[in-house]
Amino acid sequence: MGLSKDEVRAKIDSRKPVVTPDSATFDSLLEEAQWCHKAEQYNKAADKCIDAVACLEKNTEQTGEEIDALMHVTVLHNLASALHQMGHLSAAKDLYEDAHRKLSTAPRGLLDCCLGDRRPQMLDFIKARIALVVQGGAPGQNRRTYLDEKGTEQMWTDEEVKDAAEKAVAIEATGTITARAVKTPTLNLATASRDMSQDSWTTYQITDTPRKELW
């Protein structure tokens, strides 16, 4: 069974005093988590995702802004996926279910209206993972499968996996290999409740891939 969700939540809470809650840190953590996951270094991927969840939640707590549901769901699912691969089935199941529930109840945002709502595909992808973990299985031969930013299932290529493995080695040696030049005070994407004229609307490139993919 491995770790429980409560134990994982305790790890997340223990990281909140340490992480820097800005977009530079969050983006780097997600990017590095993705590299480690591609390279099948799931322990490192889980650690990066734990820090990413802590970063996102700490930012929200400090700013008082509503957490971005899609971003929260994405990072919770990807943490669950890493735990799933490592055999922590109880924690993975509970986190998958948390992600599915949050996504099911999240209001449809303005970006969804403009760019297309991919939540049905996300919900199906998460539901399939829940079914798998309930059966006691791991993604196995489908460990390279992911849901891209358009809601389409894809598979990482051999070249992508090789590149990720090289980057994961560098992460192991240095702790981190990415850094963002510009830091912003908030992590949230604009939502339907915000005025499009606000600066927060242009905080991020909406095609930023690690924010958009389920692994």
N, C-alpha and C. Protein backbone atom coordinates (compact mmCIF):
# COMPACT_ATOMS: atom_id res chain seq x y z
N MET A 1 0.82 -1.21 0.00
CA MET A 1 0.00 0.00 0.00
C MET A 1 0.85 1.26 0.00
N GLY A 2 1.97 1.23 0.76
CA GLY A 2 2.86 2.38 0.75
C GLY A 2 2.31 3.57 1.51
N LEU A 3 2.64 4.75 1.04
CA LEU A 3 2.24 5.99 1.71
C LEU A 3 0.73 6.19 1.64
N SER A 4 0.20 6.89 2.65
CA SER A 4 -1.20 7.32 2.64
C SER A 4 -1.27 8.77 2.17
N LYS A 5 -2.49 9.21 1.82
CA LYS A 5 -2.65 10.60 1.41
C LYS A 5 -2.27 11.55 2.55
N ASP A 6 -2.61 11.18 3.79
CA ASP A 6 -2.28 12.04 4.93
C ASP A 6 -0.77 12.21 5.06
N GLU A 7 -0.03 11.15 4.80
CA GLU A 7 1.43 11.25 4.88
C GLU A 7 1.98 12.14 3.76
N VAL A 8 1.38 12.04 2.59
CA VAL A 8 1.79 12.91 1.49
C VAL A 8 1.44 14.36 1.79
N ARG A 9 0.23 14.57 2.33
CA ARG A 9 -0.16 15.94 2.69
C ARG A 9 0.79 16.52 3.74
N ALA A 10 1.23 15.70 4.67
CA ALA A 10 2.19 16.17 5.68
C ALA A 10 3.50 16.59 5.02
N LYS A 11 3.92 15.84 4.00
CA LYS A 11 5.14 16.21 3.27
C LYS A 11 4.94 17.55 2.57
N ILE A 12 3.78 17.75 1.95
CA ILE A 12 3.49 19.01 1.26
C ILE A 12 3.53 20.17 2.26
N ASP A 13 2.86 19.99 3.39
CA ASP A 13 2.81 21.06 4.40
C ASP A 13 4.19 21.36 4.96
N SER A 14 5.03 20.34 5.08
CA SER A 14 6.38 20.56 5.62
C SER A 14 7.26 21.34 4.65
N ARG A 15 6.91 21.34 3.37
CA ARG A 15 7.69 22.05 2.36
C ARG A 15 7.25 23.51 2.21
N LYS A 16 6.08 23.85 2.69
CA LYS A 16 5.58 25.21 2.50
C LYS A 16 6.48 26.29 3.11
N PRO A 17 7.07 26.06 4.30
CA PRO A 17 7.96 27.09 4.82
C PRO A 17 9.25 27.26 4.01
N VAL A 18 9.56 26.29 3.16
CA VAL A 18 10.84 26.27 2.46
C VAL A 18 10.75 26.81 1.04
N VAL A 19 9.67 26.48 0.33
CA VAL A 19 9.58 26.84 -1.08
C VAL A 19 9.32 28.33 -1.26
N THR A 20 9.79 28.85 -2.38
CA THR A 20 9.51 30.24 -2.77
C THR A 20 8.26 30.25 -3.64
N PRO A 21 7.20 30.91 -3.21
CA PRO A 21 5.91 30.80 -3.91
C PRO A 21 5.77 31.78 -5.07
N ASP A 22 6.59 31.62 -6.10
CA ASP A 22 6.47 32.48 -7.27
C ASP A 22 6.41 31.63 -8.53
N SER A 23 6.09 32.27 -9.63
CA SER A 23 5.90 31.53 -10.87
C SER A 23 7.19 30.93 -11.39
N ALA A 24 8.33 31.58 -11.13
CA ALA A 24 9.61 31.04 -11.59
C ALA A 24 9.88 29.69 -10.94
N THR A 25 9.69 29.62 -9.64
CA THR A 25 9.91 28.38 -8.91
C THR A 25 8.92 27.31 -9.36
N PHE A 26 7.66 27.69 -9.48
CA PHE A 26 6.62 26.73 -9.86
C PHE A 26 6.89 26.14 -11.24
N ASP A 27 7.20 26.99 -12.20
CA ASP A 27 7.47 26.52 -13.55
C ASP A 27 8.67 25.57 -13.58
N SER A 28 9.73 25.93 -12.86
CA SER A 28 10.91 25.08 -12.82
C SER A 28 10.61 23.73 -12.21
N LEU A 29 9.84 23.73 -11.12
CA LEU A 29 9.50 22.47 -10.46
C LEU A 29 8.70 21.57 -11.38
N LEU A 30 7.72 22.13 -12.09
CA LEU A 30 6.91 21.32 -12.99
C LEU A 30 7.74 20.78 -14.15
N GLU A 31 8.61 21.62 -14.69
CA GLU A 31 9.44 21.18 -15.80
C GLU A 31 10.38 20.05 -15.38
N GLU A 32 10.99 20.22 -14.22
CA GLU A 32 11.91 19.20 -13.74
C GLU A 32 11.19 17.92 -13.34
N ALA A 33 9.98 18.07 -12.77
CA ALA A 33 9.17 16.89 -12.45
C ALA A 33 8.85 16.10 -13.71
N GLN A 34 8.53 16.81 -14.78
CA GLN A 34 8.22 16.15 -16.04
C GLN A 34 9.44 15.39 -16.58
N TRP A 35 10.61 16.02 -16.52
CA TRP A 35 11.83 15.36 -16.98
C TRP A 35 12.08 14.08 -16.18
N CYS A 36 11.96 14.18 -14.85
CA CYS A 36 12.21 13.01 -14.01
C CYS A 36 11.19 11.91 -14.29
N HIS A 37 9.94 12.30 -14.51
CA HIS A 37 8.90 11.30 -14.78
C HIS A 37 9.18 10.60 -16.11
N LYS A 38 9.52 11.37 -17.13
CA LYS A 38 9.86 10.77 -18.44
C LYS A 38 11.02 9.79 -18.30
N ALA A 39 11.97 10.15 -17.46
CA ALA A 39 13.16 9.32 -17.27
C ALA A 39 12.92 8.15 -16.32
N GLU A 40 11.66 8.00 -15.87
CA GLU A 40 11.25 6.93 -14.97
C GLU A 40 11.95 7.02 -13.61
N GLN A 41 12.30 8.24 -13.23
CA GLN A 41 12.85 8.49 -11.89
C GLN A 41 11.71 9.08 -11.05
N TYR A 42 10.81 8.18 -10.67
CA TYR A 42 9.54 8.62 -10.10
C TYR A 42 9.67 9.20 -8.71
N ASN A 43 10.67 8.75 -7.95
CA ASN A 43 10.87 9.32 -6.63
C ASN A 43 11.22 10.80 -6.73
N LYS A 44 12.11 11.13 -7.66
CA LYS A 44 12.47 12.54 -7.86
C LYS A 44 11.27 13.32 -8.41
N ALA A 45 10.52 12.71 -9.32
CA ALA A 45 9.34 13.38 -9.87
C ALA A 45 8.34 13.69 -8.77
N ALA A 46 8.13 12.73 -7.86
CA ALA A 46 7.19 12.96 -6.76
C ALA A 46 7.67 14.09 -5.86
N ASP A 47 8.97 14.11 -5.56
CA ASP A 47 9.52 15.18 -4.70
C ASP A 47 9.30 16.55 -5.35
N LYS A 48 9.53 16.65 -6.67
CA LYS A 48 9.33 17.91 -7.37
C LYS A 48 7.86 18.31 -7.36
N CYS A 49 6.97 17.32 -7.54
CA CYS A 49 5.54 17.62 -7.53
C CYS A 49 5.06 18.04 -6.14
N ILE A 50 5.60 17.41 -5.11
CA ILE A 50 5.26 17.82 -3.74
C ILE A 50 5.63 19.28 -3.52
N ASP A 51 6.83 19.66 -3.97
CA ASP A 51 7.24 21.06 -3.85
C ASP A 51 6.36 21.98 -4.69
N ALA A 52 5.94 21.51 -5.87
CA ALA A 52 5.08 22.33 -6.74
C ALA A 52 3.72 22.57 -6.10
N VAL A 53 3.14 21.53 -5.50
CA VAL A 53 1.87 21.70 -4.79
C VAL A 53 2.05 22.68 -3.63
N ALA A 54 3.13 22.52 -2.88
CA ALA A 54 3.39 23.43 -1.75
C ALA A 54 3.56 24.86 -2.24
N CYS A 55 4.26 25.03 -3.35
CA CYS A 55 4.48 26.36 -3.93
C CYS A 55 3.15 27.00 -4.34
N LEU A 56 2.31 26.26 -5.03
CA LEU A 56 1.03 26.78 -5.49
C LEU A 56 0.12 27.13 -4.32
N GLU A 57 0.02 26.23 -3.36
CA GLU A 57 -0.88 26.47 -2.23
C GLU A 57 -0.36 27.59 -1.33
N LYS A 58 0.94 27.67 -1.14
CA LYS A 58 1.50 28.75 -0.32
C LYS A 58 1.26 30.10 -0.98
N ASN A 59 1.42 30.16 -2.30
CA ASN A 59 1.16 31.40 -3.03
C ASN A 59 -0.28 31.85 -2.82
N THR A 60 -1.20 30.91 -2.92
CA THR A 60 -2.62 31.21 -2.76
C THR A 60 -2.92 31.68 -1.34
N GLU A 61 -2.30 31.03 -0.37
CA GLU A 61 -2.51 31.43 1.03
C GLU A 61 -1.98 32.83 1.29
N GLN A 62 -0.85 33.17 0.67
CA GLN A 62 -0.25 34.49 0.91
C GLN A 62 -0.98 35.61 0.18
N THR A 63 -1.45 35.33 -1.03
CA THR A 63 -2.11 36.37 -1.82
C THR A 63 -3.59 36.50 -1.52
N GLY A 64 -4.17 35.43 -0.98
CA GLY A 64 -5.60 35.44 -0.72
C GLY A 64 -6.43 35.24 -1.97
N GLU A 65 -5.78 34.95 -3.08
CA GLU A 65 -6.51 34.72 -4.33
C GLU A 65 -7.02 33.29 -4.41
N GLU A 66 -8.09 33.11 -5.16
CA GLU A 66 -8.64 31.77 -5.35
C GLU A 66 -7.65 30.94 -6.17
N ILE A 67 -7.45 29.70 -5.75
CA ILE A 67 -6.50 28.85 -6.44
C ILE A 67 -7.03 28.51 -7.83
N ASP A 68 -6.14 28.43 -8.80
CA ASP A 68 -6.53 28.06 -10.15
C ASP A 68 -6.80 26.56 -10.18
N ALA A 69 -8.06 26.19 -10.46
CA ALA A 69 -8.48 24.80 -10.34
C ALA A 69 -7.74 23.88 -11.30
N LEU A 70 -7.60 24.29 -12.56
CA LEU A 70 -6.95 23.42 -13.54
C LEU A 70 -5.48 23.18 -13.20
N MET A 71 -4.83 24.23 -12.71
CA MET A 71 -3.43 24.10 -12.34
C MET A 71 -3.27 23.17 -11.14
N HIS A 72 -4.17 23.35 -10.16
CA HIS A 72 -4.13 22.52 -8.95
C HIS A 72 -4.40 21.06 -9.30
N VAL A 73 -5.40 20.83 -10.14
CA VAL A 73 -5.73 19.47 -10.57
C VAL A 73 -4.55 18.83 -11.29
N THR A 74 -3.93 19.58 -12.18
CA THR A 74 -2.81 19.04 -12.96
C THR A 74 -1.67 18.57 -12.07
N VAL A 75 -1.28 19.40 -11.12
CA VAL A 75 -0.13 19.05 -10.30
C VAL A 75 -0.48 17.94 -9.30
N LEU A 76 -1.73 17.91 -8.82
CA LEU A 76 -2.14 16.82 -7.93
C LEU A 76 -2.17 15.49 -8.69
N HIS A 77 -2.70 15.52 -9.90
CA HIS A 77 -2.73 14.29 -10.71
C HIS A 77 -1.32 13.80 -10.99
N ASN A 78 -0.43 14.69 -11.36
CA ASN A 78 0.92 14.28 -11.72
C ASN A 78 1.70 13.77 -10.51
N LEU A 79 1.41 14.32 -9.33
CA LEU A 79 1.97 13.77 -8.10
C LEU A 79 1.43 12.36 -7.89
N ALA A 80 0.12 12.20 -8.06
CA ALA A 80 -0.50 10.88 -7.90
C ALA A 80 0.11 9.87 -8.87
N SER A 81 0.38 10.31 -10.10
CA SER A 81 0.94 9.43 -11.10
C SER A 81 2.32 8.93 -10.70
N ALA A 82 3.16 9.81 -10.18
CA ALA A 82 4.49 9.39 -9.73
C ALA A 82 4.38 8.41 -8.57
N LEU A 83 3.48 8.69 -7.63
CA LEU A 83 3.28 7.79 -6.50
C LEU A 83 2.74 6.44 -6.97
N HIS A 84 1.84 6.48 -7.94
CA HIS A 84 1.27 5.27 -8.53
C HIS A 84 2.38 4.39 -9.11
N GLN A 85 3.27 5.00 -9.85
CA GLN A 85 4.37 4.25 -10.46
C GLN A 85 5.27 3.62 -9.40
N MET A 86 5.36 4.25 -8.25
CA MET A 86 6.24 3.76 -7.18
C MET A 86 5.54 2.72 -6.29
N GLY A 87 4.24 2.49 -6.52
CA GLY A 87 3.52 1.49 -5.74
C GLY A 87 2.82 2.03 -4.52
N HIS A 88 2.74 3.35 -4.37
CA HIS A 88 2.01 3.94 -3.25
C HIS A 88 0.54 4.07 -3.67
N LEU A 89 -0.15 2.94 -3.71
CA LEU A 89 -1.47 2.88 -4.33
C LEU A 89 -2.53 3.64 -3.54
N SER A 90 -2.48 3.59 -2.22
CA SER A 90 -3.48 4.28 -1.42
C SER A 90 -3.42 5.79 -1.63
N ALA A 91 -2.22 6.35 -1.52
CA ALA A 91 -2.06 7.79 -1.72
C ALA A 91 -2.41 8.18 -3.15
N ALA A 92 -1.97 7.37 -4.12
CA ALA A 92 -2.25 7.67 -5.52
C ALA A 92 -3.75 7.70 -5.78
N LYS A 93 -4.47 6.69 -5.30
CA LYS A 93 -5.92 6.63 -5.50
C LYS A 93 -6.60 7.86 -4.91
N ASP A 94 -6.25 8.20 -3.67
CA ASP A 94 -6.91 9.34 -3.02
C ASP A 94 -6.61 10.66 -3.73
N LEU A 95 -5.37 10.83 -4.20
CA LEU A 95 -5.02 12.07 -4.88
C LEU A 95 -5.65 12.14 -6.27
N TYR A 96 -5.70 11.00 -6.98
CA TYR A 96 -6.43 10.96 -8.25
C TYR A 96 -7.89 11.38 -8.02
N GLU A 97 -8.50 10.83 -6.98
CA GLU A 97 -9.90 11.13 -6.70
C GLU A 97 -10.08 12.59 -6.31
N ASP A 98 -9.13 13.15 -5.55
CA ASP A 98 -9.18 14.58 -5.23
C ASP A 98 -9.12 15.41 -6.50
N ALA A 99 -8.22 15.05 -7.40
CA ALA A 99 -8.08 15.79 -8.65
C ALA A 99 -9.36 15.69 -9.48
N HIS A 100 -9.93 14.50 -9.56
CA HIS A 100 -11.16 14.30 -10.34
C HIS A 100 -12.31 15.11 -9.75
N ARG A 101 -12.43 15.09 -8.43
CA ARG A 101 -13.51 15.83 -7.76
C ARG A 101 -13.35 17.33 -7.95
N LYS A 102 -12.13 17.84 -7.79
CA LYS A 102 -11.90 19.28 -7.96
C LYS A 102 -12.21 19.71 -9.39
N LEU A 103 -11.82 18.89 -10.35
CA LEU A 103 -12.07 19.24 -11.75
C LEU A 103 -13.55 19.15 -12.08
N SER A 104 -14.23 18.17 -11.51
CA SER A 104 -15.66 18.00 -11.78
C SER A 104 -16.48 19.18 -11.29
N THR A 105 -16.04 19.80 -10.20
CA THR A 105 -16.82 20.88 -9.58
C THR A 105 -16.29 22.27 -9.92
N ALA A 106 -15.20 22.35 -10.66
CA ALA A 106 -14.61 23.66 -10.98
C ALA A 106 -15.47 24.41 -11.98
N PRO A 107 -15.66 25.72 -11.78
CA PRO A 107 -16.40 26.51 -12.77
C PRO A 107 -15.64 26.59 -14.08
N ARG A 108 -16.36 26.71 -15.16
CA ARG A 108 -15.74 26.83 -16.48
C ARG A 108 -15.16 28.24 -16.62
N GLY A 109 -13.86 28.33 -16.86
CA GLY A 109 -13.18 29.62 -16.92
C GLY A 109 -13.28 30.27 -18.28
N LEU A 110 -12.90 31.54 -18.32
CA LEU A 110 -12.95 32.30 -19.56
C LEU A 110 -11.99 31.72 -20.61
N LEU A 111 -10.83 31.23 -20.17
CA LEU A 111 -9.90 30.63 -21.12
C LEU A 111 -10.47 29.37 -21.74
N ASP A 112 -11.26 28.62 -20.97
CA ASP A 112 -11.91 27.44 -21.53
C ASP A 112 -12.87 27.84 -22.65
N CYS A 113 -13.59 28.91 -22.42
CA CYS A 113 -14.56 29.37 -23.43
C CYS A 113 -13.84 29.80 -24.70
N CYS A 114 -12.68 30.45 -24.54
CA CYS A 114 -11.95 30.97 -25.71
C CYS A 114 -11.20 29.87 -26.45
N LEU A 115 -10.61 28.94 -25.72
CA LEU A 115 -9.68 27.99 -26.32
C LEU A 115 -10.24 26.58 -26.42
N GLY A 116 -11.41 26.35 -25.85
CA GLY A 116 -11.98 25.01 -25.85
C GLY A 116 -11.80 24.34 -24.52
N ASP A 117 -12.84 23.70 -24.04
CA ASP A 117 -12.80 23.06 -22.72
C ASP A 117 -12.31 21.62 -22.88
N ARG A 118 -11.14 21.33 -22.34
CA ARG A 118 -10.59 19.98 -22.44
C ARG A 118 -10.83 19.18 -21.17
N ARG A 119 -11.68 19.70 -20.29
CA ARG A 119 -11.93 19.00 -19.03
C ARG A 119 -12.56 17.62 -19.22
N PRO A 120 -13.46 17.41 -20.18
CA PRO A 120 -13.98 16.04 -20.36
C PRO A 120 -12.88 15.01 -20.62
N GLN A 121 -11.90 15.38 -21.44
CA GLN A 121 -10.79 14.47 -21.72
C GLN A 121 -9.92 14.27 -20.48
N MET A 122 -9.72 15.35 -19.71
CA MET A 122 -8.95 15.24 -18.48
C MET A 122 -9.65 14.32 -17.48
N LEU A 123 -10.96 14.49 -17.34
CA LEU A 123 -11.72 13.66 -16.41
C LEU A 123 -11.65 12.18 -16.82
N ASP A 124 -11.76 11.91 -18.10
CA ASP A 124 -11.66 10.52 -18.58
C ASP A 124 -10.28 9.94 -18.30
N PHE A 125 -9.24 10.75 -18.52
CA PHE A 125 -7.87 10.30 -18.30
C PHE A 125 -7.65 9.96 -16.83
N ILE A 126 -8.12 10.84 -15.95
CA ILE A 126 -7.97 10.61 -14.50
C ILE A 126 -8.79 9.40 -14.07
N LYS A 127 -10.01 9.27 -14.60
CA LYS A 127 -10.88 8.15 -14.25
C LYS A 127 -10.24 6.82 -14.62
N ALA A 128 -9.56 6.79 -15.77
CA ALA A 128 -8.89 5.56 -16.20
C ALA A 128 -7.76 5.20 -15.23
N ARG A 129 -7.05 6.21 -14.73
CA ARG A 129 -5.98 5.96 -13.76
C ARG A 129 -6.56 5.45 -12.44
N ILE A 130 -7.70 6.01 -12.02
CA ILE A 130 -8.34 5.54 -10.79
C ILE A 130 -8.71 4.07 -10.93
N ALA A 131 -9.31 3.70 -12.07
CA ALA A 131 -9.69 2.31 -12.30
C ALA A 131 -8.48 1.39 -12.24
N LEU A 132 -7.37 1.86 -12.80
CA LEU A 132 -6.16 1.05 -12.82
C LEU A 132 -5.59 0.84 -11.43
N VAL A 133 -5.57 1.92 -10.64
CA VAL A 133 -4.99 1.80 -9.31
C VAL A 133 -5.90 0.97 -8.40
N VAL A 134 -7.20 1.03 -8.61
CA VAL A 134 -8.13 0.20 -7.83
C VAL A 134 -7.88 -1.28 -8.10
N GLN A 135 -7.52 -1.60 -9.35
CA GLN A 135 -7.21 -2.97 -9.73
C GLN A 135 -5.84 -3.41 -9.23
N GLY A 136 -5.09 -2.47 -8.67
CA GLY A 136 -3.77 -2.80 -8.14
C GLY A 136 -2.66 -2.76 -9.15
N GLY A 137 -2.95 -2.16 -10.32
CA GLY A 137 -1.97 -2.12 -11.39
C GLY A 137 -1.30 -0.77 -11.52
N ALA A 138 -0.16 -0.77 -12.20
CA ALA A 138 0.55 0.47 -12.55
C ALA A 138 0.41 0.68 -14.06
N PRO A 139 0.64 1.92 -14.52
CA PRO A 139 0.51 2.18 -15.96
C PRO A 139 1.35 1.26 -16.83
N GLY A 140 2.44 0.70 -16.30
CA GLY A 140 3.20 -0.30 -17.03
C GLY A 140 3.66 0.17 -18.39
N GLN A 141 3.26 -0.57 -19.44
CA GLN A 141 3.73 -0.24 -20.78
C GLN A 141 3.20 1.10 -21.26
N ASN A 142 2.20 1.64 -20.57
CA ASN A 142 1.64 2.93 -20.95
C ASN A 142 2.24 4.07 -20.13
N ARG A 143 3.37 3.81 -19.48
CA ARG A 143 3.95 4.86 -18.63
C ARG A 143 4.41 6.07 -19.44
N ARG A 144 4.56 5.92 -20.73
CA ARG A 144 4.94 7.06 -21.57
C ARG A 144 3.72 7.84 -22.06
N THR A 145 2.54 7.36 -21.78
CA THR A 145 1.32 8.02 -22.26
C THR A 145 1.03 9.25 -21.42
N TYR A 146 0.65 10.32 -22.06
CA TYR A 146 0.26 11.54 -21.36
C TYR A 146 -0.85 12.23 -22.13
N LEU A 147 -1.52 13.15 -21.46
CA LEU A 147 -2.58 13.95 -22.08
C LEU A 147 -2.01 15.34 -22.34
N ASP A 148 -1.98 15.74 -23.61
CA ASP A 148 -1.35 17.01 -23.93
C ASP A 148 -2.27 18.19 -23.65
N GLU A 149 -1.77 19.40 -23.93
CA GLU A 149 -2.49 20.62 -23.60
C GLU A 149 -3.79 20.78 -24.39
N LYS A 150 -3.98 19.97 -25.44
CA LYS A 150 -5.21 20.03 -26.23
C LYS A 150 -6.20 18.94 -25.83
N GLY A 151 -5.81 18.10 -24.86
CA GLY A 151 -6.70 17.03 -24.43
C GLY A 151 -6.56 15.78 -25.27
N THR A 152 -5.43 15.62 -25.97
CA THR A 152 -5.19 14.46 -26.82
C THR A 152 -4.14 13.57 -26.19
N GLU A 153 -4.40 12.25 -26.15
CA GLU A 153 -3.40 11.33 -25.61
C GLU A 153 -2.23 11.20 -26.57
N GLN A 154 -1.05 11.29 -26.02
CA GLN A 154 0.19 11.18 -26.78
C GLN A 154 1.13 10.23 -26.06
N MET A 155 2.24 9.91 -26.72
CA MET A 155 3.29 9.12 -26.07
C MET A 155 4.63 9.81 -26.28
N TRP A 156 5.42 9.88 -25.21
CA TRP A 156 6.76 10.43 -25.34
C TRP A 156 7.59 9.53 -26.22
N THR A 157 8.39 10.13 -27.07
CA THR A 157 9.24 9.37 -27.99
C THR A 157 10.51 8.92 -27.29
N ASP A 158 11.23 8.00 -27.94
CA ASP A 158 12.51 7.56 -27.40
C ASP A 158 13.48 8.74 -27.24
N GLU A 159 13.44 9.64 -28.21
CA GLU A 159 14.34 10.80 -28.16
C GLU A 159 13.99 11.70 -26.97
N GLU A 160 12.70 11.90 -26.73
CA GLU A 160 12.28 12.73 -25.60
C GLU A 160 12.68 12.08 -24.27
N VAL A 161 12.53 10.78 -24.19
CA VAL A 161 12.90 10.07 -22.96
C VAL A 161 14.41 10.14 -22.73
N LYS A 162 15.18 9.98 -23.79
CA LYS A 162 16.64 10.07 -23.67
C LYS A 162 17.07 11.46 -23.20
N ASP A 163 16.47 12.50 -23.80
CA ASP A 163 16.79 13.87 -23.40
C ASP A 163 16.42 14.11 -21.94
N ALA A 164 15.26 13.60 -21.53
CA ALA A 164 14.82 13.77 -20.15
C ALA A 164 15.75 13.05 -19.18
N ALA A 165 16.24 11.88 -19.58
CA ALA A 165 17.15 11.13 -18.71
C ALA A 165 18.44 11.91 -18.47
N GLU A 166 18.94 12.56 -19.50
CA GLU A 166 20.16 13.38 -19.36
C GLU A 166 19.91 14.55 -18.41
N LYS A 167 18.74 15.16 -18.55
CA LYS A 167 18.41 16.28 -17.68
C LYS A 167 18.19 15.83 -16.25
N ALA A 168 17.61 14.65 -16.07
CA ALA A 168 17.39 14.12 -14.73
C ALA A 168 18.71 13.85 -14.02
N VAL A 169 19.72 13.41 -14.77
CA VAL A 169 21.05 13.20 -14.19
C VAL A 169 21.61 14.53 -13.70
N ALA A 170 21.42 15.58 -14.49
CA ALA A 170 21.90 16.90 -14.10
C ALA A 170 21.18 17.39 -12.85
N ILE A 171 19.88 17.10 -12.76
CA ILE A 171 19.13 17.49 -11.57
C ILE A 171 19.67 16.77 -10.34
N GLU A 172 19.99 15.48 -10.50
CA GLU A 172 20.54 14.71 -9.38
C GLU A 172 21.86 15.29 -8.91
N ALA A 173 22.65 15.81 -9.83
CA ALA A 173 23.96 16.35 -9.48
C ALA A 173 23.87 17.72 -8.83
N THR A 174 22.90 18.53 -9.28
CA THR A 174 22.86 19.93 -8.83
C THR A 174 21.63 20.29 -8.02
N GLY A 175 20.62 19.43 -8.02
CA GLY A 175 19.38 19.75 -7.31
C GLY A 175 18.37 20.43 -8.21
N THR A 176 18.84 21.26 -9.13
CA THR A 176 17.98 21.94 -10.08
C THR A 176 18.83 22.42 -11.24
N ILE A 177 18.24 22.47 -12.44
CA ILE A 177 19.02 22.97 -13.57
C ILE A 177 18.26 24.04 -14.34
N THR A 178 17.10 24.45 -13.85
CA THR A 178 16.36 25.49 -14.55
C THR A 178 16.23 26.72 -13.67
N ALA A 179 16.14 27.85 -14.30
CA ALA A 179 15.93 29.11 -13.59
C ALA A 179 15.20 30.07 -14.51
N ARG A 180 14.25 30.79 -13.97
CA ARG A 180 13.48 31.75 -14.75
C ARG A 180 14.03 33.15 -14.49
N ALA A 181 14.14 33.93 -15.52
CA ALA A 181 14.70 35.27 -15.39
C ALA A 181 13.73 36.22 -14.73
N VAL A 182 12.43 36.04 -14.95
CA VAL A 182 11.43 36.97 -14.44
C VAL A 182 10.53 36.27 -13.45
N LYS A 183 10.38 36.86 -12.28
CA LYS A 183 9.50 36.30 -11.27
C LYS A 183 8.28 37.21 -11.11
N THR A 184 7.13 36.58 -10.93
CA THR A 184 5.90 37.34 -10.75
C THR A 184 5.27 36.94 -9.43
N PRO A 185 4.47 37.82 -8.83
CA PRO A 185 3.97 37.56 -7.49
C PRO A 185 2.82 36.58 -7.41
N THR A 186 2.21 36.22 -8.52
CA THR A 186 1.06 35.33 -8.47
C THR A 186 1.24 34.17 -9.43
N LEU A 187 0.61 33.06 -9.09
CA LEU A 187 0.69 31.87 -9.93
C LEU A 187 -0.59 31.63 -10.72
N ASN A 188 -1.62 32.38 -10.44
CA ASN A 188 -2.91 32.08 -11.03
C ASN A 188 -3.05 32.61 -12.45
N LEU A 189 -3.64 31.78 -13.31
CA LEU A 189 -4.05 32.25 -14.62
C LEU A 189 -5.32 33.07 -14.48
N ALA A 190 -5.58 33.93 -15.43
CA ALA A 190 -6.82 34.69 -15.40
C ALA A 190 -8.00 33.75 -15.50
N THR A 191 -9.08 34.08 -14.81
CA THR A 191 -10.31 33.28 -14.83
C THR A 191 -11.48 34.17 -15.20
N ALA A 192 -12.64 33.57 -15.30
CA ALA A 192 -13.82 34.32 -15.71
C ALA A 192 -14.18 35.41 -14.72
N SER A 193 -13.72 35.29 -13.48
CA SER A 193 -14.08 36.28 -12.47
C SER A 193 -13.19 37.51 -12.53
N ARG A 194 -12.18 37.52 -13.42
CA ARG A 194 -11.25 38.63 -13.47
C ARG A 194 -11.50 39.52 -14.67
N ASP A 195 -11.08 40.74 -14.51
CA ASP A 195 -11.17 41.69 -15.61
C ASP A 195 -10.01 41.44 -16.55
N MET A 196 -10.27 41.32 -17.85
CA MET A 196 -9.22 41.03 -18.81
C MET A 196 -8.19 42.14 -18.90
N SER A 197 -8.50 43.32 -18.40
CA SER A 197 -7.55 44.43 -18.46
C SER A 197 -6.50 44.34 -17.35
N GLN A 198 -6.70 43.44 -16.37
CA GLN A 198 -5.77 43.35 -15.27
C GLN A 198 -4.45 42.75 -15.73
N ASP A 199 -3.37 43.15 -15.05
CA ASP A 199 -2.05 42.66 -15.41
C ASP A 199 -1.96 41.15 -15.33
N SER A 200 -2.72 40.55 -14.40
CA SER A 200 -2.62 39.11 -14.20
C SER A 200 -3.01 38.34 -15.46
N TRP A 201 -3.79 38.96 -16.34
CA TRP A 201 -4.21 38.29 -17.56
C TRP A 201 -3.01 37.93 -18.44
N THR A 202 -1.96 38.73 -18.39
CA THR A 202 -0.80 38.49 -19.25
C THR A 202 0.39 37.92 -18.49
N THR A 203 0.15 37.41 -17.27
CA THR A 203 1.25 36.89 -16.48
C THR A 203 1.94 35.71 -17.16
N TYR A 204 1.16 34.83 -17.82
CA TYR A 204 1.71 33.61 -18.37
C TYR A 204 1.41 33.45 -19.84
N GLN A 205 2.27 32.69 -20.50
CA GLN A 205 1.93 32.20 -21.82
C GLN A 205 1.00 31.01 -21.62
N ILE A 206 -0.15 31.06 -22.26
CA ILE A 206 -1.15 30.03 -22.01
C ILE A 206 -0.78 28.70 -22.65
N THR A 207 0.29 28.66 -23.41
CA THR A 207 0.74 27.41 -24.02
C THR A 207 1.87 26.76 -23.22
N ASP A 208 2.14 27.24 -22.04
CA ASP A 208 3.22 26.71 -21.22
C ASP A 208 2.94 25.23 -20.92
N THR A 209 3.64 24.32 -21.59
CA THR A 209 3.26 22.91 -21.64
C THR A 209 3.22 22.20 -20.29
N PRO A 210 4.25 22.29 -19.43
CA PRO A 210 4.18 21.52 -18.19
C PRO A 210 2.97 21.86 -17.32
N ARG A 211 2.44 23.06 -17.46
CA ARG A 211 1.24 23.42 -16.70
C ARG A 211 0.00 22.72 -17.23
N LYS A 212 0.06 22.26 -18.48
CA LYS A 212 -1.14 21.81 -19.17
C LYS A 212 -1.26 20.31 -19.32
N GLU A 213 -0.22 19.55 -19.02
CA GLU A 213 -0.21 18.13 -19.33
C GLU A 213 -0.46 17.26 -18.10
N LEU A 214 -1.19 16.17 -18.32
CA LEU A 214 -1.35 15.11 -17.31
C LEU A 214 -0.45 13.96 -17.73
N TRP A 215 0.35 13.45 -16.77
CA TRP A 215 1.30 12.39 -17.11
C TRP A 215 0.81 11.07 -16.58
